[in-house]
Amino acid sequence: KDDLEVEEYSKEPDTESTVRRVSME
């Protein structure tokens, strides 16, 4: 959507992915 200027972060992680996701912490 072009009208969304502010980034919307996804709240739900990808449960199907087997790749580990490393957080900033």
PDB file of all heavy atoms in Angstrom:
ATOM      1  N   LYS A   1       0.822  -1.217   0.000  1.00  0.00           N
ATOM      2  CA  LYS A   1       0.000   0.000   0.000  1.00  0.00           C
ATOM      3  C   LYS A   1       0.853   1.261   0.000  1.00  0.00           C
ATOM      4  O   LYS A   1       1.600   1.523   0.935  1.00  0.00           O
ATOM      5  CB  LYS A   1      -0.944  -0.003   1.204  1.00  0.00           C
ATOM      6  CG  LYS A   1      -1.951  -1.156   1.173  1.00  0.00           C
ATOM      7  CD  LYS A   1      -2.862  -1.120   2.378  1.00  0.00           C
ATOM      8  CE  LYS A   1      -3.866  -2.270   2.353  1.00  0.00           C
ATOM      9  NZ  LYS A   1      -4.752  -2.267   3.541  1.00  0.00           N
ATOM     10  N   ASP A   2       0.719   2.040  -1.060  1.00  0.00           N
ATOM     11  CA  ASP A   2       1.526   3.254  -1.194  1.00  0.00           C
ATOM     12  C   ASP A   2       1.180   4.307  -0.154  1.00  0.00           C
ATOM     13  O   ASP A   2       2.014   5.159   0.185  1.00  0.00           O
ATOM     14  CB  ASP A   2       1.349   3.867  -2.597  1.00  0.00           C
ATOM     15  CG  ASP A   2       1.879   2.941  -3.682  1.00  0.00           C
ATOM     16  OD1 ASP A   2       2.625   2.006  -3.337  1.00  0.00           O
ATOM     17  OD2 ASP A   2       1.550   3.162  -4.863  1.00  0.00           O
ATOM     18  N   ASP A   3      -0.032   4.267   0.368  1.00  0.00           N
ATOM     19  CA  ASP A   3      -0.456   5.304   1.312  1.00  0.00           C
ATOM     20  C   ASP A   3       0.080   5.063   2.720  1.00  0.00           C
ATOM     21  O   ASP A   3      -0.034   5.940   3.589  1.00  0.00           O
ATOM     22  CB  ASP A   3      -1.992   5.398   1.359  1.00  0.00           C
ATOM     23  CG  ASP A   3      -2.642   4.076   1.743  1.00  0.00           C
ATOM     24  OD1 ASP A   3      -2.032   3.023   1.460  1.00  0.00           O
ATOM     25  OD2 ASP A   3      -3.738   4.107   2.333  1.00  0.00           O
ATOM     26  N   LEU A   4       0.677   3.894   2.974  1.00  0.00           N
ATOM     27  CA  LEU A   4       1.261   3.618   4.291  1.00  0.00           C
ATOM     28  C   LEU A   4       2.710   4.086   4.301  1.00  0.00           C
ATOM     29  O   LEU A   4       3.590   3.471   3.693  1.00  0.00           O
ATOM     30  CB  LEU A   4       1.186   2.120   4.602  1.00  0.00           C
ATOM     31  CG  LEU A   4      -0.203   1.546   4.882  1.00  0.00           C
ATOM     32  CD1 LEU A   4      -0.106   0.044   5.173  1.00  0.00           C
ATOM     33  CD2 LEU A   4      -0.856   2.251   6.065  1.00  0.00           C
ATOM     34  N   GLU A   5       2.947   5.197   4.965  1.00  0.00           N
ATOM     35  CA  GLU A   5       4.280   5.781   5.000  1.00  0.00           C
ATOM     36  C   GLU A   5       5.092   5.286   6.199  1.00  0.00           C
ATOM     37  O   GLU A   5       6.313   5.210   6.146  1.00  0.00           O
ATOM     38  CB  GLU A   5       4.185   7.320   5.068  1.00  0.00           C
ATOM     39  CG  GLU A   5       3.482   7.940   3.873  1.00  0.00           C
ATOM     40  CD  GLU A   5       4.321   7.860   2.601  1.00  0.00           C
ATOM     41  OE1 GLU A   5       5.560   7.747   2.717  1.00  0.00           O
ATOM     42  OE2 GLU A   5       3.747   7.901   1.497  1.00  0.00           O
ATOM     43  N   VAL A   6       4.411   4.973   7.304  1.00  0.00           N
ATOM     44  CA  VAL A   6       5.092   4.532   8.518  1.00  0.00           C
ATOM     45  C   VAL A   6       5.224   3.011   8.492  1.00  0.00           C
ATOM     46  O   VAL A   6       4.266   2.304   8.204  1.00  0.00           O
ATOM     47  CB  VAL A   6       4.305   4.953   9.786  1.00  0.00           C
ATOM     48  CG1 VAL A   6       5.048   4.486  11.042  1.00  0.00           C
ATOM     49  CG2 VAL A   6       4.120   6.467   9.801  1.00  0.00           C
ATOM     50  N   GLU A   7       6.427   2.528   8.798  1.00  0.00           N
ATOM     51  CA  GLU A   7       6.687   1.093   8.757  1.00  0.00           C
ATOM     52  C   GLU A   7       5.817   0.348   9.760  1.00  0.00           C
ATOM     53  O   GLU A   7       5.724   0.733  10.920  1.00  0.00           O
ATOM     54  CB  GLU A   7       8.165   0.810   9.060  1.00  0.00           C
ATOM     55  CG  GLU A   7       9.105   1.362   7.996  1.00  0.00           C
ATOM     56  CD  GLU A   7      10.563   1.182   8.381  1.00  0.00           C
ATOM     57  OE1 GLU A   7      10.827   0.401   9.321  1.00  0.00           O
ATOM     58  OE2 GLU A   7      11.426   1.813   7.771  1.00  0.00           O
ATOM     59  N   GLU A   8       5.183  -0.733   9.300  1.00  0.00           N
ATOM     60  CA  GLU A   8       4.393  -1.606  10.167  1.00  0.00           C
ATOM     61  C   GLU A   8       5.147  -2.918  10.325  1.00  0.00           C
ATOM     62  O   GLU A   8       5.338  -3.652   9.352  1.00  0.00           O
ATOM     63  CB  GLU A   8       3.005  -1.866   9.555  1.00  0.00           C
ATOM     64  CG  GLU A   8       2.102  -0.645   9.520  1.00  0.00           C
ATOM     65  CD  GLU A   8       0.709  -0.991   8.996  1.00  0.00           C
ATOM     66  OE1 GLU A   8       0.523  -2.127   8.502  1.00  0.00           O
ATOM     67  OE2 GLU A   8      -0.177  -0.128   9.076  1.00  0.00           O
ATOM     68  N   TYR A   9       5.576  -3.188  11.543  1.00  0.00           N
ATOM     69  CA  TYR A   9       6.363  -4.396  11.791  1.00  0.00           C
ATOM     70  C   TYR A   9       5.451  -5.584  12.050  1.00  0.00           C
ATOM     71  O   TYR A   9       4.441  -5.463  12.749  1.00  0.00           O
ATOM     72  CB  TYR A   9       7.310  -4.196  12.977  1.00  0.00           C
ATOM     73  CG  TYR A   9       8.299  -3.076  12.755  1.00  0.00           C
ATOM     74  CD1 TYR A   9       8.126  -1.841  13.361  1.00  0.00           C
ATOM     75  CD2 TYR A   9       9.382  -3.259  11.902  1.00  0.00           C
ATOM     76  CE1 TYR A   9       9.025  -0.806  13.141  1.00  0.00           C
ATOM     77  CE2 TYR A   9      10.286  -2.235  11.671  1.00  0.00           C
ATOM     78  CZ  TYR A   9      10.097  -1.011  12.293  1.00  0.00           C
ATOM     79  OH  TYR A   9      10.982   0.010  12.061  1.00  0.00           O
ATOM     80  N   SER A  10       5.791  -6.719  11.471  1.00  0.00           N
ATOM     81  CA  SER A  10       4.978  -7.921  11.666  1.00  0.00           C
ATOM     82  C   SER A  10       5.146  -8.419  13.094  1.00  0.00           C
ATOM     83  O   SER A  10       6.253  -8.433  13.634  1.00  0.00           O
ATOM     84  CB  SER A  10       5.382  -9.017  10.672  1.00  0.00           C
ATOM     85  OG  SER A  10       6.747  -9.332  10.820  1.00  0.00           O
ATOM     86  N   LYS A  11       4.046  -8.837  13.698  1.00  0.00           N
ATOM     87  CA  LYS A  11       4.052  -9.262  15.094  1.00  0.00           C
ATOM     88  C   LYS A  11       4.218 -10.765  15.232  1.00  0.00           C
ATOM     89  O   LYS A  11       4.656 -11.272  16.240  1.00  0.00           O
ATOM     90  CB  LYS A  11       2.749  -8.833  15.789  1.00  0.00           C
ATOM     91  CG  LYS A  11       2.585  -7.319  15.835  1.00  0.00           C
ATOM     92  CD  LYS A  11       1.289  -6.954  16.519  1.00  0.00           C
ATOM     93  CE  LYS A  11       1.121  -5.430  16.557  1.00  0.00           C
ATOM     94  NZ  LYS A  11      -0.168  -5.040  17.196  1.00  0.00           N
ATOM     95  N   GLU A  12       3.829 -11.489  14.218  1.00  0.00           N
ATOM     96  CA  GLU A  12       3.877 -12.942  14.296  1.00  0.00           C
ATOM     97  C   GLU A  12       5.071 -13.474  13.519  1.00  0.00           C
ATOM     98  O   GLU A  12       5.225 -13.173  12.346  1.00  0.00           O
ATOM     99  CB  GLU A  12       2.602 -13.569  13.726  1.00  0.00           C
ATOM    100  CG  GLU A  12       1.353 -13.190  14.509  1.00  0.00           C
ATOM    101  CD  GLU A  12       0.119 -13.871  13.951  1.00  0.00           C
ATOM    102  OE1 GLU A  12       0.279 -14.618  12.959  1.00  0.00           O
ATOM    103  OE2 GLU A  12      -0.963 -13.651  14.479  1.00  0.00           O
ATOM    104  N   PRO A  13       5.942 -14.240  14.169  1.00  0.00           N
ATOM    105  CA  PRO A  13       7.085 -14.805  13.461  1.00  0.00           C
ATOM    106  C   PRO A  13       6.657 -15.863  12.463  1.00  0.00           C
ATOM    107  O   PRO A  13       5.575 -16.413  12.566  1.00  0.00           O
ATOM    108  CB  PRO A  13       7.924 -15.442  14.598  1.00  0.00           C
ATOM    109  CG  PRO A  13       6.930 -15.760  15.660  1.00  0.00           C
ATOM    110  CD  PRO A  13       5.870 -14.691  15.562  1.00  0.00           C
ATOM    111  N   ASP A  14       7.513 -16.121  11.526  1.00  0.00           N
ATOM    112  CA  ASP A  14       7.244 -17.149  10.514  1.00  0.00           C
ATOM    113  C   ASP A  14       7.442 -18.522  11.135  1.00  0.00           C
ATOM    114  O   ASP A  14       8.565 -18.977  11.347  1.00  0.00           O
ATOM    115  CB  ASP A  14       8.221 -16.966   9.335  1.00  0.00           C
ATOM    116  CG  ASP A  14       7.983 -17.996   8.249  1.00  0.00           C
ATOM    117  OD1 ASP A  14       6.924 -18.629   8.264  1.00  0.00           O
ATOM    118  OD2 ASP A  14       8.888 -18.141   7.402  1.00  0.00           O
ATOM    119  N   THR A  15       6.339 -19.192  11.452  1.00  0.00           N
ATOM    120  CA  THR A  15       6.427 -20.473  12.147  1.00  0.00           C
ATOM    121  C   THR A  15       6.838 -21.609  11.215  1.00  0.00           C
ATOM    122  O   THR A  15       7.254 -22.656  11.678  1.00  0.00           O
ATOM    123  CB  THR A  15       5.060 -20.817  12.778  1.00  0.00           C
ATOM    124  OG1 THR A  15       4.062 -20.803  11.749  1.00  0.00           O
ATOM    125  CG2 THR A  15       4.698 -19.817  13.856  1.00  0.00           C
ATOM    126  N   GLU A  16       6.735 -21.406   9.919  1.00  0.00           N
ATOM    127  CA  GLU A  16       7.062 -22.474   8.984  1.00  0.00           C
ATOM    128  C   GLU A  16       8.544 -22.507   8.650  1.00  0.00           C
ATOM    129  O   GLU A  16       9.052 -23.482   8.158  1.00  0.00           O
ATOM    130  CB  GLU A  16       6.244 -22.303   7.690  1.00  0.00           C
ATOM    131  CG  GLU A  16       4.743 -22.442   7.901  1.00  0.00           C
ATOM    132  CD  GLU A  16       3.990 -22.296   6.594  1.00  0.00           C
ATOM    133  OE1 GLU A  16       4.672 -22.056   5.568  1.00  0.00           O
ATOM    134  OE2 GLU A  16       2.768 -22.412   6.587  1.00  0.00           O
ATOM    135  N   SER A  17       9.222 -21.398   8.885  1.00  0.00           N
ATOM    136  CA  SER A  17      10.630 -21.322   8.532  1.00  0.00           C
ATOM    137  C   SER A  17      11.482 -22.125   9.502  1.00  0.00           C
ATOM    138  O   SER A  17      11.284 -22.086  10.708  1.00  0.00           O
ATOM    139  CB  SER A  17      11.092 -19.854   8.538  1.00  0.00           C
ATOM    140  OG  SER A  17      12.469 -19.781   8.277  1.00  0.00           O
ATOM    141  N   THR A  18      12.432 -22.871   8.973  1.00  0.00           N
ATOM    142  CA  THR A  18      13.346 -23.651   9.810  1.00  0.00           C
ATOM    143  C   THR A  18      14.642 -22.883  10.058  1.00  0.00           C
ATOM    144  O   THR A  18      15.514 -23.379  10.766  1.00  0.00           O
ATOM    145  CB  THR A  18      13.674 -24.991   9.123  1.00  0.00           C
ATOM    146  OG1 THR A  18      14.264 -24.733   7.828  1.00  0.00           O
ATOM    147  CG2 THR A  18      12.435 -25.837   8.954  1.00  0.00           C
ATOM    148  N   VAL A  19      14.766 -21.705   9.475  1.00  0.00           N
ATOM    149  CA  VAL A  19      15.962 -20.900   9.653  1.00  0.00           C
ATOM    150  C   VAL A  19      15.847 -20.108  10.951  1.00  0.00           C
ATOM    151  O   VAL A  19      14.853 -19.432  11.201  1.00  0.00           O
ATOM    152  CB  VAL A  19      16.154 -19.932   8.461  1.00  0.00           C
ATOM    153  CG1 VAL A  19      17.367 -19.042   8.692  1.00  0.00           C
ATOM    154  CG2 VAL A  19      16.297 -20.717   7.172  1.00  0.00           C
ATOM    155  N   ARG A  20      16.894 -20.202  11.790  1.00  0.00           N
ATOM    156  CA  ARG A  20      16.866 -19.474  13.050  1.00  0.00           C
ATOM    157  C   ARG A  20      16.996 -17.980  12.793  1.00  0.00           C
ATOM    158  O   ARG A  20      17.773 -17.549  11.947  1.00  0.00           O
ATOM    159  CB  ARG A  20      18.008 -19.931  13.957  1.00  0.00           C
ATOM    160  CG  ARG A  20      17.893 -21.365  14.406  1.00  0.00           C
ATOM    161  CD  ARG A  20      18.585 -21.527  15.733  1.00  0.00           C
ATOM    162  NE  ARG A  20      18.925 -22.916  15.998  1.00  0.00           N
ATOM    163  CZ  ARG A  20      19.390 -23.349  17.158  1.00  0.00           C
ATOM    164  NH1 ARG A  20      19.583 -22.505  18.144  1.00  0.00           N
ATOM    165  NH2 ARG A  20      19.681 -24.621  17.332  1.00  0.00           N
ATOM    166  N   ARG A  21      16.253 -17.205  13.568  1.00  0.00           N
ATOM    167  CA  ARG A  21      16.266 -15.758  13.423  1.00  0.00           C
ATOM    168  C   ARG A  21      16.977 -15.159  14.628  1.00  0.00           C
ATOM    169  O   ARG A  21      16.608 -15.420  15.776  1.00  0.00           O
ATOM    170  CB  ARG A  21      14.839 -15.223  13.310  1.00  0.00           C
ATOM    171  CG  ARG A  21      14.752 -13.775  12.856  1.00  0.00           C
ATOM    172  CD  ARG A  21      13.296 -13.423  12.582  1.00  0.00           C
ATOM    173  NE  ARG A  21      13.133 -12.052  12.148  1.00  0.00           N
ATOM    174  CZ  ARG A  21      13.280 -11.629  10.903  1.00  0.00           C
ATOM    175  NH1 ARG A  21      13.584 -12.498   9.966  1.00  0.00           N
ATOM    176  NH2 ARG A  21      13.101 -10.375  10.578  1.00  0.00           N
ATOM    177  N   VAL A  22      17.998 -14.374  14.379  1.00  0.00           N
ATOM    178  CA  VAL A  22      18.801 -13.775  15.441  1.00  0.00           C
ATOM    179  C   VAL A  22      18.319 -12.352  15.701  1.00  0.00           C
ATOM    180  O   VAL A  22      18.277 -11.529  14.789  1.00  0.00           O
ATOM    181  CB  VAL A  22      20.295 -13.763  15.060  1.00  0.00           C
ATOM    182  CG1 VAL A  22      21.129 -13.124  16.165  1.00  0.00           C
ATOM    183  CG2 VAL A  22      20.781 -15.179  14.782  1.00  0.00           C
ATOM    184  N   SER A  23      17.963 -12.079  16.946  1.00  0.00           N
ATOM    185  CA  SER A  23      17.472 -10.750  17.312  1.00  0.00           C
ATOM    186  C   SER A  23      18.635  -9.815  17.596  1.00  0.00           C
ATOM    187  O   SER A  23      19.794 -10.243  17.750  1.00  0.00           O
ATOM    188  CB  SER A  23      16.573 -10.839  18.547  1.00  0.00           C
ATOM    189  OG  SER A  23      17.337 -11.233  19.679  1.00  0.00           O
ATOM    190  N   MET A  24      18.336  -8.536  17.706  1.00  0.00           N
ATOM    191  CA  MET A  24      19.357  -7.541  18.023  1.00  0.00           C
ATOM    192  C   MET A  24      19.958  -7.824  19.399  1.00  0.00           C
ATOM    193  O   MET A  24      21.178  -7.696  19.603  1.00  0.00           O
ATOM    194  CB  MET A  24      18.745  -6.137  17.994  1.00  0.00           C
ATOM    195  CG  MET A  24      19.728  -5.021  18.321  1.00  0.00           C
ATOM    196  SD  MET A  24      20.998  -4.790  17.048  1.00  0.00           S
ATOM    197  CE  MET A  24      20.042  -3.899  15.809  1.00  0.00           C
ATOM    198  N   GLU A  25      19.111  -8.221  20.355  1.00  0.00           N
ATOM    199  CA  GLU A  25      19.588  -8.533  21.702  1.00  0.00           C
ATOM    200  C   GLU A  25      20.544  -9.719  21.682  1.00  0.00           C
ATOM    201  O   GLU A  25      21.599  -9.700  22.333  1.00  0.00           O
ATOM    202  CB  GLU A  25      18.391  -8.843  22.606  1.00  0.00           C
ATOM    203  CG  GLU A  25      18.781  -9.136  24.047  1.00  0.00           C
ATOM    204  CD  GLU A  25      17.587  -9.472  24.922  1.00  0.00           C
ATOM    205  OE1 GLU A  25      16.451  -9.458  24.400  1.00  0.00           O
ATOM    206  OE2 GLU A  25      17.788  -9.749  26.117  1.00  0.00           O
TER     207      GLU A  25
END
